[in-house]
Amino acid sequence: MLEFPARYYDGVTSREHHVTVSVSTTTLTVSGTDVQRTDALETVIVSPRLANTPRPILFADGAKCESEDQAALAQLADALGQSRG
């Protein structure tokens, strides 16, 4: 299982939530004090890397997570077949 820290935004408010993202073979789970969601891996999009800026994970409902753990995000993008470059 892959786990890394991130910041979660629900797509409705500008409030930032500090969360842990956990990835299994079929799901991505976001867990924090005020946040708990699990999505099928095929429904999330990992944005391409842009230098060392925080990289977003986009959800179908407009929510997103941002993380600076480039190695974990590259591993997730590879697993999803979303690697570029």
Protein backbone atom coordinates (compact mmCIF):
# COMPACT_ATOMS: atom_id res chain seq x y z
CA MET A 1 0.00 0.00 0.00
CA LEU A 2 1.20 3.47 -0.89
CA GLU A 3 0.64 6.29 1.65
CA PHE A 4 1.63 9.94 1.59
CA PRO A 5 0.63 13.29 3.16
CA ALA A 6 -1.50 15.76 1.24
CA ARG A 7 -3.81 18.75 1.51
CA TYR A 8 -7.46 18.18 0.57
CA TYR A 9 -9.88 20.74 -0.86
CA ASP A 10 -13.54 19.75 -1.22
CA GLY A 11 -14.20 21.89 -4.31
CA VAL A 12 -16.93 23.85 -2.49
CA THR A 13 -14.99 25.90 0.06
CA SER A 14 -11.40 27.12 0.18
CA ARG A 15 -10.73 25.30 3.45
CA GLU A 16 -7.56 23.20 3.49
CA HIS A 17 -7.58 19.83 5.25
CA HIS A 18 -4.36 18.00 6.14
CA VAL A 19 -4.89 14.37 5.17
CA THR A 20 -3.20 11.08 4.41
CA VAL A 21 -3.75 9.51 1.00
CA SER A 22 -3.72 5.70 0.95
CA VAL A 23 -3.68 3.76 -2.30
CA SER A 24 -4.61 0.10 -2.60
CA THR A 25 -4.84 -1.97 -5.76
CA THR A 26 -8.34 -0.65 -6.58
CA THR A 27 -9.04 2.41 -4.41
CA LEU A 28 -7.64 5.73 -3.23
CA THR A 29 -8.65 6.77 0.29
CA VAL A 30 -8.32 10.27 1.76
CA SER A 31 -8.34 10.36 5.57
CA GLY A 32 -8.15 13.31 7.93
CA THR A 33 -9.80 14.87 10.95
CA ASP A 34 -12.80 16.18 8.95
CA VAL A 35 -12.42 14.14 5.76
CA GLN A 36 -12.97 10.52 4.84
CA ARG A 37 -13.54 9.44 1.26
CA THR A 38 -12.71 6.45 -0.89
CA ASP A 39 -12.74 6.53 -4.67
CA ALA A 40 -12.09 3.91 -7.33
CA LEU A 41 -8.62 4.43 -8.81
CA GLU A 42 -9.97 4.68 -12.35
CA THR A 43 -11.95 7.80 -11.39
CA VAL A 44 -8.99 9.94 -10.26
CA ILE A 45 -6.53 11.93 -12.35
CA VAL A 46 -2.97 12.73 -11.32
CA SER A 47 -1.86 16.01 -12.87
CA PRO A 48 1.49 16.04 -14.68
CA ARG A 49 4.55 17.12 -12.72
CA LEU A 50 5.63 20.75 -13.06
CA ALA A 51 9.11 21.05 -11.51
CA ASN A 52 8.74 20.66 -7.74
CA THR A 53 5.40 22.39 -7.29
CA PRO A 54 2.61 20.61 -5.39
CA ARG A 55 0.95 18.13 -7.71
CA PRO A 56 -2.84 17.74 -7.65
CA ILE A 57 -4.94 14.60 -7.67
CA LEU A 58 -8.31 15.49 -9.20
CA PHE A 59 -11.63 13.87 -8.28
CA ALA A 60 -14.75 13.66 -10.45
CA ASP A 61 -16.80 15.84 -8.06
CA GLY A 62 -14.39 18.80 -8.27
CA ALA A 63 -12.45 18.04 -5.09
CA LYS A 64 -8.67 17.73 -5.17
CA CYS A 65 -5.66 16.75 -3.10
CA GLU A 66 -2.27 18.38 -3.45
CA SER A 67 0.99 16.77 -2.38
CA GLU A 68 4.65 17.58 -2.63
CA ASP A 69 5.66 13.90 -2.42
CA GLN A 70 6.78 13.68 -6.05
CA ALA A 71 8.02 10.10 -5.74
CA ALA A 72 4.68 8.83 -4.40
CA LEU A 73 2.72 10.76 -7.03
CA ALA A 74 4.95 9.40 -9.80
CA GLN A 75 4.32 5.88 -8.50
CA LEU A 76 0.56 6.53 -8.43
CA ALA A 77 0.58 8.02 -11.95
CA ASP A 78 2.55 5.01 -13.22
CA ALA A 79 0.06 2.60 -11.63
CA LEU A 80 -2.80 4.48 -13.29
CA GLY A 81 -1.07 4.61 -16.69
CA GLN A 82 -1.05 8.41 -16.48
CA SER A 83 2.72 8.95 -16.66
CA ARG A 84 3.89 11.56 -19.10
CA GLY A 85 7.40 12.29 -20.28
